[in-house]
Protein backbone atom coordinates (compact mmCIF):
# COMPACT_ATOMS: atom_id res chain seq x y z
CA MET A 1 9.65 -26.55 16.74
CA SER A 2 9.41 -26.00 12.98
CA ASP A 3 12.06 -24.31 10.91
CA HIS A 4 10.62 -21.25 9.12
CA ASN A 5 13.35 -21.30 6.48
CA SER A 6 12.67 -24.84 5.35
CA PRO A 7 12.89 -25.04 1.53
CA SER A 8 10.65 -28.12 1.47
CA ASP A 9 7.58 -26.32 2.82
CA THR A 10 5.69 -25.97 -0.49
CA LYS A 11 2.41 -24.82 1.08
CA SER A 12 4.07 -21.80 2.69
CA TYR A 13 5.96 -21.02 -0.52
CA THR A 14 2.77 -21.20 -2.60
CA VAL A 15 0.85 -18.96 -0.23
CA THR A 16 3.68 -16.43 -0.20
CA ILE A 17 3.83 -16.35 -4.01
CA PHE A 18 0.03 -16.00 -4.26
CA ILE A 19 -0.08 -13.14 -1.74
CA SER A 20 2.80 -11.42 -3.55
CA PHE A 21 0.92 -11.51 -6.87
CA VAL A 22 -2.25 -10.20 -5.21
CA VAL A 23 -0.35 -7.30 -3.62
CA VAL A 24 1.33 -6.38 -6.91
CA PHE A 25 -2.00 -6.62 -8.79
CA VAL A 26 -3.81 -4.41 -6.27
CA PHE A 27 -0.95 -1.89 -6.35
CA ALA A 28 -1.09 -1.79 -10.17
CA MET A 29 -4.87 -1.26 -10.14
CA ILE A 30 -4.56 1.59 -7.64
CA MET A 31 -1.87 3.23 -9.76
CA MET A 32 -4.07 2.92 -12.85
CA LEU A 33 -6.94 4.62 -11.02
CA TRP A 34 -4.63 7.35 -9.72
CA HIS A 35 -3.15 7.88 -13.19
CA GLY A 36 -6.55 8.63 -14.71
CA SER A 37 -7.74 8.21 -18.25
CA TYR A 38 -6.01 9.57 -21.30
CA GLU A 39 -6.40 9.69 -25.09
CA HIS A 40 -4.03 10.06 -28.03
CA ASN A 41 -4.77 13.01 -30.31
CA THR A 42 -4.15 13.06 -34.07
CA ASN A 43 -0.48 14.00 -33.55
CA GLY A 44 0.07 10.98 -31.33
CA GLU A 45 0.41 13.11 -28.21
CA ILE A 46 -1.19 11.97 -25.00
CA HIS A 47 -4.04 14.11 -23.69
CA TYR A 48 -5.06 13.49 -20.08
CA ASN A 49 -8.73 13.84 -19.25
CA THR A 50 -8.55 16.15 -16.28
CA GLN A 51 -12.02 17.67 -16.42
CA VAL A 52 -14.09 17.44 -13.27
CA ASN A 53 -17.83 17.05 -13.76
CA GLU A 54 -19.37 19.01 -10.93
CA PRO A 55 -23.06 18.80 -10.06
CA SER A 56 -25.16 21.64 -11.43
CA GLY A 57 -26.94 22.29 -8.12
CA ASP A 58 -30.44 22.42 -9.65
């Protein structure tokens, strides 16, 4: 039976690190989408673009 806490298992360590980076990257991308877009005005203040473009229904 193999020991799951073996420090010499480099393949398992590498896969764990890779999956961790992927999870953090995906989480960051989702947070960026949720945050929305924003612009700085001439005073340096942040203005969030919160307008919703609804279809005209024509």
